[in-house]
Amino acid sequence: MGAGQSVRTSAFQRPKPTSSESFIEEEPGDHHISISNKMVERLVEDATLAGGAAAASSQASLPTPRGDYRDKIYIEKLKCMDESHSEITGITINDLSAIAARIDMRTSNMVSVDPICEECKQKVIQCYDDAKLGADIVKCWDTVGAFTKCVQEAGTARLRARTVREARERARRTRHVAHAREHALRDLSPN
């Protein structure tokens, strides 16, 4: 057992001897067994498999494959990891979905006929074509990185421009509403 593993201890009590039975007296500390968490997981998995096999044989249906139980275990582990990550970062799946929806809404009708980062794109294509002819593909790393950075900067610039446009439009609408409210109040007030 490694030093980093935790240990669960379980105490088992032996039955009290009756008058017809005689047991050898043992020390009270001899009734403890140490089991690692990994062993507990295996025992639970084996019990689950045995319970599933017994239920399947009693129902005369097709036995559930062992892979299904492992999938369930992995799904449960992933859920626990997701919950702990959500607790640490403070971001939930709903938060991420809302952010993705907001980004999708902002980028859904972005129309641009101008290609972005055309020169970087050509350099990446040329690098990969050279790699097919025998050059080392790892050398394309910097070219791909430059292309990625160019695309991210172009996307950021477009989002900023759109946000500025939307803010101007919102301000214009607010001014129009305020102006209309002013005229309506003037028309309603007695002179």
N, C-alpha and C. Protein backbone atom coordinates (compact mmCIF):
# COMPACT_ATOMS: atom_id res chain seq x y z
N MET A 1 0.85 -1.17 0.00
CA MET A 1 0.00 0.00 0.00
C MET A 1 0.89 1.22 0.00
N GLY A 2 0.64 2.15 -0.90
CA GLY A 2 1.46 3.35 -1.01
C GLY A 2 1.21 4.31 0.14
N ALA A 3 2.12 5.21 0.29
CA ALA A 3 1.99 6.17 1.39
C ALA A 3 0.86 7.16 1.15
N GLY A 4 0.50 7.39 -0.14
CA GLY A 4 -0.52 8.38 -0.45
C GLY A 4 -1.93 7.82 -0.42
N GLN A 5 -2.08 6.51 -0.21
CA GLN A 5 -3.43 5.93 -0.22
C GLN A 5 -4.07 6.06 1.15
N SER A 6 -5.36 6.29 1.15
CA SER A 6 -6.06 6.35 2.42
C SER A 6 -6.52 4.95 2.80
N VAL A 7 -6.75 4.75 4.04
CA VAL A 7 -7.12 3.42 4.53
C VAL A 7 -8.41 3.52 5.31
N ARG A 8 -9.30 2.61 5.01
CA ARG A 8 -10.52 2.51 5.80
C ARG A 8 -10.36 1.31 6.72
N THR A 9 -10.79 1.46 7.93
CA THR A 9 -10.72 0.34 8.85
C THR A 9 -12.12 -0.10 9.20
N SER A 10 -12.27 -1.37 9.32
CA SER A 10 -13.56 -1.93 9.69
C SER A 10 -13.34 -2.86 10.87
N ALA A 11 -14.22 -2.82 11.81
CA ALA A 11 -14.12 -3.70 12.97
C ALA A 11 -15.17 -4.78 12.86
N PHE A 12 -14.74 -6.00 12.99
CA PHE A 12 -15.66 -7.13 12.95
C PHE A 12 -15.67 -7.78 14.33
N GLN A 13 -16.83 -8.02 14.84
CA GLN A 13 -16.98 -8.66 16.14
C GLN A 13 -17.28 -10.14 15.95
N ARG A 14 -16.58 -10.93 16.64
CA ARG A 14 -16.88 -12.36 16.56
C ARG A 14 -18.05 -12.66 17.49
N PRO A 15 -18.84 -13.65 17.12
CA PRO A 15 -19.97 -13.98 17.99
C PRO A 15 -19.48 -14.48 19.35
N LYS A 16 -20.30 -14.24 20.34
CA LYS A 16 -19.97 -14.69 21.70
C LYS A 16 -20.09 -16.21 21.75
N PRO A 17 -19.15 -16.84 22.37
CA PRO A 17 -19.22 -18.31 22.44
C PRO A 17 -20.36 -18.75 23.35
N THR A 18 -21.03 -19.79 22.91
CA THR A 18 -22.09 -20.37 23.75
C THR A 18 -21.46 -21.40 24.67
N SER A 19 -22.25 -21.98 25.49
CA SER A 19 -21.71 -22.93 26.46
C SER A 19 -21.15 -24.18 25.77
N SER A 20 -21.73 -24.57 24.61
CA SER A 20 -21.24 -25.77 23.93
C SER A 20 -20.02 -25.48 23.05
N GLU A 21 -19.79 -24.22 22.75
CA GLU A 21 -18.67 -23.85 21.89
C GLU A 21 -17.56 -23.24 22.75
N SER A 22 -16.37 -23.53 22.36
CA SER A 22 -15.25 -22.88 23.06
C SER A 22 -14.36 -22.21 22.01
N PHE A 23 -14.09 -20.96 22.21
CA PHE A 23 -13.22 -20.20 21.32
C PHE A 23 -11.93 -19.89 22.05
N ILE A 24 -10.91 -19.76 21.26
CA ILE A 24 -9.63 -19.38 21.83
C ILE A 24 -9.69 -17.88 22.08
N GLU A 25 -9.28 -17.51 23.25
CA GLU A 25 -9.29 -16.11 23.61
C GLU A 25 -8.21 -15.38 22.79
N GLU A 26 -8.62 -14.28 22.10
CA GLU A 26 -7.68 -13.48 21.33
C GLU A 26 -7.67 -12.08 21.91
N GLU A 27 -6.66 -11.35 21.54
CA GLU A 27 -6.57 -9.99 22.02
C GLU A 27 -7.60 -9.13 21.29
N PRO A 28 -8.13 -8.11 21.95
CA PRO A 28 -9.19 -7.30 21.33
C PRO A 28 -8.73 -6.55 20.09
N GLY A 29 -7.45 -6.26 19.92
CA GLY A 29 -6.97 -5.52 18.76
C GLY A 29 -6.86 -6.37 17.50
N ASP A 30 -7.10 -7.64 17.57
CA ASP A 30 -6.95 -8.52 16.40
C ASP A 30 -8.16 -8.54 15.49
N HIS A 31 -9.16 -7.74 15.74
CA HIS A 31 -10.41 -7.79 14.99
C HIS A 31 -10.52 -6.67 13.96
N HIS A 32 -9.43 -6.08 13.53
CA HIS A 32 -9.47 -4.97 12.58
C HIS A 32 -8.81 -5.37 11.27
N ILE A 33 -9.42 -4.95 10.19
CA ILE A 33 -8.88 -5.19 8.85
C ILE A 33 -8.74 -3.82 8.18
N SER A 34 -7.62 -3.57 7.54
CA SER A 34 -7.40 -2.32 6.82
C SER A 34 -7.61 -2.56 5.33
N ILE A 35 -8.47 -1.71 4.72
CA ILE A 35 -8.78 -1.83 3.29
C ILE A 35 -8.59 -0.46 2.65
N SER A 36 -7.93 -0.43 1.48
CA SER A 36 -7.73 0.85 0.79
C SER A 36 -9.01 1.26 0.08
N ASN A 37 -9.10 2.55 -0.26
CA ASN A 37 -10.27 3.05 -1.00
C ASN A 37 -10.40 2.37 -2.35
N LYS A 38 -9.27 2.08 -2.99
CA LYS A 38 -9.29 1.40 -4.29
C LYS A 38 -9.92 0.02 -4.15
N MET A 39 -9.59 -0.68 -3.07
CA MET A 39 -10.16 -2.00 -2.83
C MET A 39 -11.66 -1.89 -2.58
N VAL A 40 -12.08 -0.85 -1.87
CA VAL A 40 -13.51 -0.65 -1.62
C VAL A 40 -14.23 -0.43 -2.95
N GLU A 41 -13.63 0.37 -3.84
CA GLU A 41 -14.25 0.60 -5.16
C GLU A 41 -14.38 -0.71 -5.94
N ARG A 42 -13.32 -1.53 -5.88
CA ARG A 42 -13.39 -2.82 -6.59
C ARG A 42 -14.46 -3.72 -6.00
N LEU A 43 -14.55 -3.74 -4.69
CA LEU A 43 -15.57 -4.57 -4.05
C LEU A 43 -16.97 -4.10 -4.41
N VAL A 44 -17.18 -2.79 -4.45
CA VAL A 44 -18.49 -2.25 -4.83
C VAL A 44 -18.79 -2.60 -6.28
N GLU A 45 -17.78 -2.47 -7.15
CA GLU A 45 -17.98 -2.80 -8.56
C GLU A 45 -18.32 -4.29 -8.72
N ASP A 46 -17.57 -5.15 -8.02
CA ASP A 46 -17.84 -6.59 -8.11
C ASP A 46 -19.23 -6.92 -7.57
N ALA A 47 -19.63 -6.24 -6.48
CA ALA A 47 -20.96 -6.49 -5.93
C ALA A 47 -22.04 -6.03 -6.90
N THR A 48 -21.78 -4.91 -7.56
CA THR A 48 -22.73 -4.40 -8.55
C THR A 48 -22.84 -5.37 -9.71
N LEU A 49 -21.69 -5.87 -10.16
CA LEU A 49 -21.70 -6.83 -11.26
C LEU A 49 -22.40 -8.12 -10.87
N ALA A 50 -22.12 -8.59 -9.67
CA ALA A 50 -22.75 -9.83 -9.21
C ALA A 50 -24.25 -9.63 -9.04
N GLY A 51 -24.65 -8.47 -8.52
CA GLY A 51 -26.07 -8.19 -8.36
C GLY A 51 -26.76 -8.09 -9.71
N GLY A 52 -26.11 -7.48 -10.69
CA GLY A 52 -26.66 -7.35 -12.03
C GLY A 52 -26.77 -8.70 -12.71
N ALA A 53 -25.77 -9.56 -12.50
CA ALA A 53 -25.80 -10.89 -13.12
C ALA A 53 -26.89 -11.74 -12.48
N ALA A 54 -27.07 -11.62 -11.16
CA ALA A 54 -28.11 -12.40 -10.50
C ALA A 54 -29.49 -11.94 -10.95
N ALA A 55 -29.68 -10.65 -11.07
CA ALA A 55 -30.97 -10.12 -11.51
C ALA A 55 -31.23 -10.52 -12.96
N ALA A 56 -30.20 -10.50 -13.77
CA ALA A 56 -30.36 -10.86 -15.18
C ALA A 56 -30.70 -12.33 -15.33
N SER A 57 -30.06 -13.19 -14.53
CA SER A 57 -30.34 -14.62 -14.66
C SER A 57 -31.72 -14.95 -14.11
N SER A 58 -32.15 -14.23 -13.07
CA SER A 58 -33.47 -14.50 -12.52
C SER A 58 -34.57 -14.01 -13.45
N GLN A 59 -34.30 -12.96 -14.23
CA GLN A 59 -35.30 -12.44 -15.14
C GLN A 59 -35.22 -13.08 -16.51
N ALA A 60 -34.20 -13.91 -16.74
CA ALA A 60 -33.99 -14.61 -18.01
C ALA A 60 -33.90 -13.62 -19.17
N SER A 61 -33.27 -12.48 -18.92
CA SER A 61 -33.04 -11.51 -19.98
C SER A 61 -31.57 -11.53 -20.34
N LEU A 62 -31.18 -10.76 -21.33
CA LEU A 62 -29.80 -10.72 -21.74
C LEU A 62 -28.96 -10.07 -20.64
N PRO A 63 -27.81 -10.65 -20.34
CA PRO A 63 -26.98 -10.04 -19.29
C PRO A 63 -26.41 -8.71 -19.76
N THR A 64 -26.31 -7.79 -18.82
CA THR A 64 -25.76 -6.48 -19.12
C THR A 64 -24.24 -6.61 -19.20
N PRO A 65 -23.62 -6.09 -20.23
CA PRO A 65 -22.17 -6.22 -20.34
C PRO A 65 -21.45 -5.44 -19.26
N ARG A 66 -20.27 -5.91 -18.94
CA ARG A 66 -19.48 -5.29 -17.88
C ARG A 66 -19.11 -3.85 -18.24
N GLY A 67 -18.97 -3.56 -19.51
CA GLY A 67 -18.62 -2.22 -19.96
C GLY A 67 -19.63 -1.18 -19.53
N ASP A 68 -20.91 -1.56 -19.47
CA ASP A 68 -21.94 -0.61 -19.04
C ASP A 68 -21.69 -0.14 -17.61
N TYR A 69 -21.28 -1.04 -16.74
CA TYR A 69 -21.01 -0.66 -15.36
C TYR A 69 -19.80 0.25 -15.27
N ARG A 70 -18.78 -0.07 -16.07
CA ARG A 70 -17.60 0.81 -16.07
C ARG A 70 -17.96 2.18 -16.61
N ASP A 71 -18.82 2.22 -17.64
CA ASP A 71 -19.26 3.51 -18.16
C ASP A 71 -19.99 4.30 -17.08
N LYS A 72 -20.85 3.62 -16.33
CA LYS A 72 -21.57 4.29 -15.26
C LYS A 72 -20.62 4.83 -14.20
N ILE A 73 -19.60 4.04 -13.87
CA ILE A 73 -18.62 4.47 -12.88
C ILE A 73 -17.87 5.70 -13.39
N TYR A 74 -17.44 5.66 -14.66
CA TYR A 74 -16.73 6.81 -15.23
C TYR A 74 -17.62 8.04 -15.29
N ILE A 75 -18.89 7.85 -15.62
CA ILE A 75 -19.81 8.98 -15.68
C ILE A 75 -19.97 9.59 -14.29
N GLU A 76 -20.08 8.76 -13.27
CA GLU A 76 -20.19 9.26 -11.90
C GLU A 76 -18.92 10.01 -11.50
N LYS A 77 -17.76 9.46 -11.87
CA LYS A 77 -16.50 10.15 -11.55
C LYS A 77 -16.43 11.49 -12.26
N LEU A 78 -16.87 11.54 -13.52
CA LEU A 78 -16.87 12.80 -14.27
C LEU A 78 -17.81 13.81 -13.63
N LYS A 79 -18.97 13.34 -13.16
CA LYS A 79 -19.90 14.24 -12.49
C LYS A 79 -19.26 14.83 -11.23
N CYS A 80 -18.57 13.99 -10.46
CA CYS A 80 -17.90 14.48 -9.25
C CYS A 80 -16.82 15.49 -9.59
N MET A 81 -16.04 15.20 -10.65
CA MET A 81 -15.00 16.13 -11.07
C MET A 81 -15.61 17.44 -11.53
N ASP A 82 -16.74 17.37 -12.26
CA ASP A 82 -17.41 18.57 -12.74
C ASP A 82 -17.91 19.40 -11.56
N GLU A 83 -18.50 18.74 -10.58
CA GLU A 83 -19.00 19.46 -9.41
C GLU A 83 -17.87 20.13 -8.65
N SER A 84 -16.75 19.42 -8.48
CA SER A 84 -15.63 20.02 -7.74
C SER A 84 -15.02 21.16 -8.54
N HIS A 85 -14.94 21.03 -9.87
CA HIS A 85 -14.43 22.13 -10.70
C HIS A 85 -15.36 23.33 -10.63
N SER A 86 -16.67 23.07 -10.63
CA SER A 86 -17.63 24.17 -10.53
C SER A 86 -17.50 24.88 -9.19
N GLU A 87 -17.25 24.12 -8.12
CA GLU A 87 -17.07 24.74 -6.81
C GLU A 87 -15.81 25.58 -6.76
N ILE A 88 -14.74 25.09 -7.38
CA ILE A 88 -13.46 25.80 -7.35
C ILE A 88 -13.53 27.07 -8.18
N THR A 89 -14.03 26.97 -9.42
CA THR A 89 -14.02 28.11 -10.32
C THR A 89 -15.25 29.00 -10.18
N GLY A 90 -16.33 28.47 -9.67
CA GLY A 90 -17.55 29.25 -9.53
C GLY A 90 -18.33 29.35 -10.84
N ILE A 91 -17.95 28.55 -11.83
CA ILE A 91 -18.64 28.56 -13.12
C ILE A 91 -19.37 27.24 -13.28
N THR A 92 -20.65 27.32 -13.61
CA THR A 92 -21.45 26.12 -13.81
C THR A 92 -21.72 25.92 -15.29
N ILE A 93 -22.33 24.81 -15.62
CA ILE A 93 -22.69 24.51 -17.01
C ILE A 93 -23.68 25.54 -17.52
N ASN A 94 -24.59 25.97 -16.68
CA ASN A 94 -25.56 27.00 -17.10
C ASN A 94 -24.85 28.31 -17.43
N ASP A 95 -23.84 28.68 -16.63
CA ASP A 95 -23.08 29.90 -16.92
C ASP A 95 -22.38 29.79 -18.27
N LEU A 96 -21.75 28.65 -18.52
CA LEU A 96 -21.06 28.47 -19.79
C LEU A 96 -22.05 28.46 -20.95
N SER A 97 -23.21 27.86 -20.76
CA SER A 97 -24.22 27.88 -21.82
C SER A 97 -24.70 29.29 -22.12
N ALA A 98 -24.86 30.09 -21.06
CA ALA A 98 -25.28 31.48 -21.26
C ALA A 98 -24.21 32.28 -22.00
N ILE A 99 -22.95 32.07 -21.64
CA ILE A 99 -21.86 32.76 -22.33
C ILE A 99 -21.81 32.34 -23.79
N ALA A 100 -21.93 31.02 -24.04
CA ALA A 100 -21.90 30.54 -25.43
C ALA A 100 -23.07 31.10 -26.23
N ALA A 101 -24.25 31.18 -25.61
CA ALA A 101 -25.42 31.74 -26.31
C ALA A 101 -25.20 33.22 -26.63
N ARG A 102 -24.61 33.95 -25.68
CA ARG A 102 -24.35 35.37 -25.90
C ARG A 102 -23.34 35.57 -27.03
N ILE A 103 -22.30 34.76 -27.05
CA ILE A 103 -21.31 34.86 -28.13
C ILE A 103 -21.93 34.46 -29.45
N ASP A 104 -22.73 33.40 -29.43
CA ASP A 104 -23.40 32.96 -30.66
C ASP A 104 -24.33 34.04 -31.20
N MET A 105 -25.06 34.70 -30.29
CA MET A 105 -25.96 35.76 -30.71
C MET A 105 -25.18 36.91 -31.35
N ARG A 106 -24.04 37.24 -30.75
CA ARG A 106 -23.25 38.36 -31.28
C ARG A 106 -22.55 38.02 -32.59
N THR A 107 -22.25 36.76 -32.80
CA THR A 107 -21.48 36.39 -33.99
C THR A 107 -22.33 35.74 -35.08
N SER A 108 -23.60 35.49 -34.81
CA SER A 108 -24.42 34.73 -35.76
C SER A 108 -24.63 35.47 -37.08
N ASN A 109 -24.81 36.77 -37.05
CA ASN A 109 -25.08 37.49 -38.29
C ASN A 109 -23.91 38.39 -38.69
N MET A 110 -22.72 37.98 -38.32
CA MET A 110 -21.53 38.71 -38.76
C MET A 110 -21.28 38.34 -40.21
N VAL A 111 -21.45 39.29 -41.08
CA VAL A 111 -21.25 39.05 -42.50
C VAL A 111 -20.01 39.82 -42.93
N SER A 112 -19.11 39.12 -43.54
CA SER A 112 -17.91 39.77 -44.04
C SER A 112 -17.48 39.05 -45.31
N VAL A 113 -17.31 39.79 -46.35
CA VAL A 113 -16.86 39.21 -47.60
C VAL A 113 -15.34 39.24 -47.66
N ASP A 114 -14.72 40.02 -46.80
CA ASP A 114 -13.27 40.10 -46.80
C ASP A 114 -12.70 38.91 -46.03
N PRO A 115 -11.80 38.16 -46.65
CA PRO A 115 -11.15 37.07 -45.91
C PRO A 115 -10.20 37.67 -44.87
N ILE A 116 -10.11 37.01 -43.76
CA ILE A 116 -9.23 37.51 -42.71
C ILE A 116 -7.94 36.70 -42.72
N CYS A 117 -6.85 37.35 -42.42
CA CYS A 117 -5.54 36.72 -42.27
C CYS A 117 -5.17 35.89 -43.50
N GLU A 118 -5.42 36.40 -44.65
CA GLU A 118 -5.17 35.68 -45.89
C GLU A 118 -3.69 35.31 -46.04
N GLU A 119 -2.79 36.25 -45.70
CA GLU A 119 -1.36 35.97 -45.87
C GLU A 119 -0.90 34.88 -44.92
N CYS A 120 -1.40 34.88 -43.68
CA CYS A 120 -1.05 33.83 -42.72
C CYS A 120 -1.61 32.49 -43.17
N LYS A 121 -2.81 32.51 -43.71
CA LYS A 121 -3.44 31.28 -44.19
C LYS A 121 -2.59 30.66 -45.30
N GLN A 122 -2.11 31.47 -46.21
CA GLN A 122 -1.28 30.97 -47.30
C GLN A 122 0.03 30.39 -46.78
N LYS A 123 0.61 31.02 -45.75
CA LYS A 123 1.85 30.52 -45.16
C LYS A 123 1.64 29.15 -44.52
N VAL A 124 0.49 28.97 -43.84
CA VAL A 124 0.18 27.68 -43.22
C VAL A 124 0.01 26.61 -44.29
N ILE A 125 -0.72 26.92 -45.34
CA ILE A 125 -0.93 25.95 -46.43
C ILE A 125 0.41 25.58 -47.06
N GLN A 126 1.24 26.58 -47.31
CA GLN A 126 2.55 26.33 -47.91
C GLN A 126 3.41 25.46 -46.99
N CYS A 127 3.37 25.72 -45.70
CA CYS A 127 4.16 24.95 -44.73
C CYS A 127 3.73 23.49 -44.74
N TYR A 128 2.42 23.24 -44.74
CA TYR A 128 1.94 21.86 -44.75
C TYR A 128 2.22 21.18 -46.09
N ASP A 129 2.17 21.92 -47.17
CA ASP A 129 2.53 21.35 -48.46
C ASP A 129 4.01 20.95 -48.47
N ASP A 130 4.86 21.79 -47.89
CA ASP A 130 6.28 21.46 -47.79
C ASP A 130 6.49 20.23 -46.91
N ALA A 131 5.67 20.10 -45.87
CA ALA A 131 5.80 18.95 -44.97
C ALA A 131 5.43 17.66 -45.68
N LYS A 132 4.50 17.71 -46.60
CA LYS A 132 4.13 16.52 -47.37
C LYS A 132 5.28 16.07 -48.26
N LEU A 133 6.12 17.02 -48.66
CA LEU A 133 7.24 16.71 -49.55
C LEU A 133 8.47 16.25 -48.77
N GLY A 134 8.36 16.16 -47.47
CA GLY A 134 9.47 15.62 -46.69
C GLY A 134 10.01 16.55 -45.62
N ALA A 135 9.56 17.77 -45.57
CA ALA A 135 10.02 18.68 -44.53
C ALA A 135 9.40 18.29 -43.19
N ASP A 136 9.96 18.78 -42.12
CA ASP A 136 9.47 18.46 -40.78
C ASP A 136 8.21 19.27 -40.48
N ILE A 137 7.13 18.58 -40.13
CA ILE A 137 5.85 19.25 -39.89
C ILE A 137 5.87 20.07 -38.61
N VAL A 138 6.79 19.74 -37.69
CA VAL A 138 6.89 20.48 -36.44
C VAL A 138 7.29 21.93 -36.70
N LYS A 139 7.97 22.16 -37.80
CA LYS A 139 8.40 23.51 -38.14
C LYS A 139 7.21 24.42 -38.44
N CYS A 140 6.04 23.85 -38.70
CA CYS A 140 4.84 24.63 -38.98
C CYS A 140 4.21 25.19 -37.72
N TRP A 141 4.72 24.80 -36.56
CA TRP A 141 4.12 25.21 -35.29
C TRP A 141 4.02 26.73 -35.18
N ASP A 142 5.11 27.43 -35.46
CA ASP A 142 5.10 28.89 -35.34
C ASP A 142 4.15 29.52 -36.35
N THR A 143 4.10 28.96 -37.56
CA THR A 143 3.22 29.50 -38.59
C THR A 143 1.76 29.35 -38.19
N VAL A 144 1.43 28.17 -37.67
CA VAL A 144 0.05 27.93 -37.22
C VAL A 144 -0.28 28.83 -36.03
N GLY A 145 0.68 29.01 -35.13
CA GLY A 145 0.47 29.90 -33.98
C GLY A 145 0.21 31.33 -34.42
N ALA A 146 0.96 31.81 -35.42
CA ALA A 146 0.75 33.17 -35.93
C ALA A 146 -0.63 33.30 -36.58
N PHE A 147 -1.04 32.26 -37.31
CA PHE A 147 -2.36 32.27 -37.94
C PHE A 147 -3.46 32.30 -36.88
N THR A 148 -3.32 31.47 -35.85
CA THR A 148 -4.30 31.43 -34.76
C THR A 148 -4.41 32.78 -34.08
N LYS A 149 -3.26 33.40 -33.80
CA LYS A 149 -3.26 34.70 -33.14
C LYS A 149 -3.93 35.76 -34.02
N CYS A 150 -3.65 35.71 -35.33
CA CYS A 150 -4.25 36.66 -36.26
C CYS A 150 -5.77 36.51 -36.29
N VAL A 151 -6.26 35.26 -36.34
CA VAL A 151 -7.70 35.01 -36.38
C VAL A 151 -8.36 35.48 -35.08
N GLN A 152 -7.73 35.21 -33.94
CA GLN A 152 -8.29 35.64 -32.66
C GLN A 152 -8.35 37.16 -32.57
N GLU A 153 -7.30 37.83 -33.01
CA GLU A 153 -7.29 39.29 -32.97
C GLU A 153 -8.34 39.88 -33.90
N ALA A 154 -8.50 39.27 -35.09
CA ALA A 154 -9.52 39.76 -36.03
C ALA A 154 -10.92 39.56 -35.45
N GLY A 155 -11.16 38.41 -34.83
CA GLY A 155 -12.46 38.16 -34.20
C GLY A 155 -12.74 39.13 -33.07
N THR A 156 -11.71 39.38 -32.26
CA THR A 156 -11.86 40.32 -31.15
C THR A 156 -12.16 41.73 -31.67
N ALA A 157 -11.44 42.13 -32.72
CA ALA A 157 -11.67 43.46 -33.29
C ALA A 157 -13.09 43.58 -33.84
N ARG A 158 -13.57 42.54 -34.50
CA ARG A 158 -14.93 42.58 -35.04
C ARG A 158 -15.97 42.63 -33.93
N LEU A 159 -15.75 41.85 -32.86
CA LEU A 159 -16.68 41.89 -31.73
C LEU A 159 -16.70 43.27 -31.08
N ARG A 160 -15.52 43.87 -30.92
CA ARG A 160 -15.47 45.21 -30.32
C ARG A 160 -16.21 46.22 -31.19
N ALA A 161 -15.98 46.13 -32.50
CA ALA A 161 -16.65 47.07 -33.42
C ALA A 161 -18.16 46.88 -33.34
N ARG A 162 -18.59 45.64 -33.28
CA ARG A 162 -20.03 45.39 -33.20
C ARG A 162 -20.60 45.90 -31.88
N THR A 163 -19.87 45.70 -30.80
CA THR A 163 -20.32 46.18 -29.50
C THR A 163 -20.44 47.71 -29.51
N VAL A 164 -19.47 48.38 -30.11
CA VAL A 164 -19.53 49.85 -30.20
C VAL A 164 -20.73 50.27 -31.03
N ARG A 165 -20.95 49.58 -32.17
CA ARG A 165 -22.12 49.91 -33.01
C ARG A 165 -23.42 49.72 -32.24
N GLU A 166 -23.53 48.59 -31.51
CA GLU A 166 -24.74 48.34 -30.74
C GLU A 166 -24.93 49.39 -29.65
N ALA A 167 -23.84 49.82 -29.02
CA ALA A 167 -23.94 50.84 -27.97
C ALA A 167 -24.40 52.16 -28.56
N ARG A 168 -23.86 52.53 -29.73
CA ARG A 168 -24.30 53.76 -30.40
C ARG A 168 -25.78 53.68 -30.76
N GLU A 169 -26.20 52.53 -31.30
CA GLU A 169 -27.61 52.35 -31.69
C GLU A 169 -28.51 52.42 -30.45
N ARG A 170 -28.10 51.81 -29.37
CA ARG A 170 -28.88 51.84 -28.13
C ARG A 170 -28.99 53.27 -27.61
N ALA A 171 -27.89 54.02 -27.66
CA ALA A 171 -27.90 55.42 -27.22
C ALA A 171 -28.81 56.26 -28.11
N ARG A 172 -28.77 56.00 -29.43
CA ARG A 172 -29.63 56.73 -30.36
C ARG A 172 -31.10 56.46 -30.05
N ARG A 173 -31.42 55.17 -29.83
CA ARG A 173 -32.81 54.83 -29.50
C ARG A 173 -33.24 55.47 -28.19
N THR A 174 -32.35 55.49 -27.21
CA THR A 174 -32.67 56.10 -25.92
C THR A 174 -32.94 57.60 -26.09
N ARG A 175 -32.12 58.26 -26.90
CA ARG A 175 -32.34 59.68 -27.16
C ARG A 175 -33.69 59.91 -27.84
N HIS A 176 -34.03 59.06 -28.82
CA HIS A 176 -35.31 59.20 -29.52
C HIS A 176 -36.48 58.98 -28.57
N VAL A 177 -36.36 58.00 -27.71
CA VAL A 177 -37.44 57.75 -26.74
C VAL A 177 -37.57 58.93 -25.79
N ALA A 178 -36.44 59.46 -25.32
CA ALA A 178 -36.49 60.62 -24.42
C ALA A 178 -37.09 61.82 -25.13
N HIS A 179 -36.72 62.03 -26.39
CA HIS A 179 -37.25 63.14 -27.17
C HIS A 179 -38.76 62.97 -27.38
N ALA A 180 -39.19 61.75 -27.71
CA ALA A 180 -40.62 61.49 -27.90
C ALA A 180 -41.37 61.68 -26.59
N ARG A 181 -40.79 61.28 -25.48
CA ARG A 181 -41.43 61.44 -24.18
C ARG A 181 -41.58 62.94 -23.85
N GLU A 182 -40.56 63.69 -24.15
CA GLU A 182 -40.59 65.13 -23.92
C GLU A 182 -41.73 65.78 -24.70
N HIS A 183 -41.86 65.44 -26.00
CA HIS A 183 -42.92 66.00 -26.83
C HIS A 183 -44.29 65.54 -26.35
N ALA A 184 -44.39 64.31 -25.93
CA ALA A 184 -45.68 63.80 -25.44
C ALA A 184 -46.08 64.53 -24.17
N LEU A 185 -45.12 64.77 -23.28
CA LEU A 185 -45.43 65.49 -22.05
C LEU A 185 -45.81 66.95 -22.33
N ARG A 186 -45.15 67.54 -23.32
CA ARG A 186 -45.50 68.91 -23.69
C ARG A 186 -46.91 68.98 -24.24
N ASP A 187 -47.27 67.98 -25.06
CA ASP A 187 -48.60 67.97 -25.65
C ASP A 187 -49.68 67.74 -24.59
N LEU A 188 -49.36 66.98 -23.54
CA LEU A 188 -50.34 66.68 -22.51
C LEU A 188 -50.45 67.77 -21.46
N SER A 189 -49.41 68.53 -21.26
CA SER A 189 -49.47 69.56 -20.21
C SER A 189 -50.30 70.75 -20.66
N PRO A 190 -51.09 71.30 -19.73
CA PRO A 190 -51.90 72.46 -20.07
C PRO A 190 -51.02 73.71 -20.14
N ASN A 191 -51.27 74.52 -21.14
CA ASN A 191 -50.50 75.76 -21.32
C ASN A 191 -51.14 76.91 -20.65
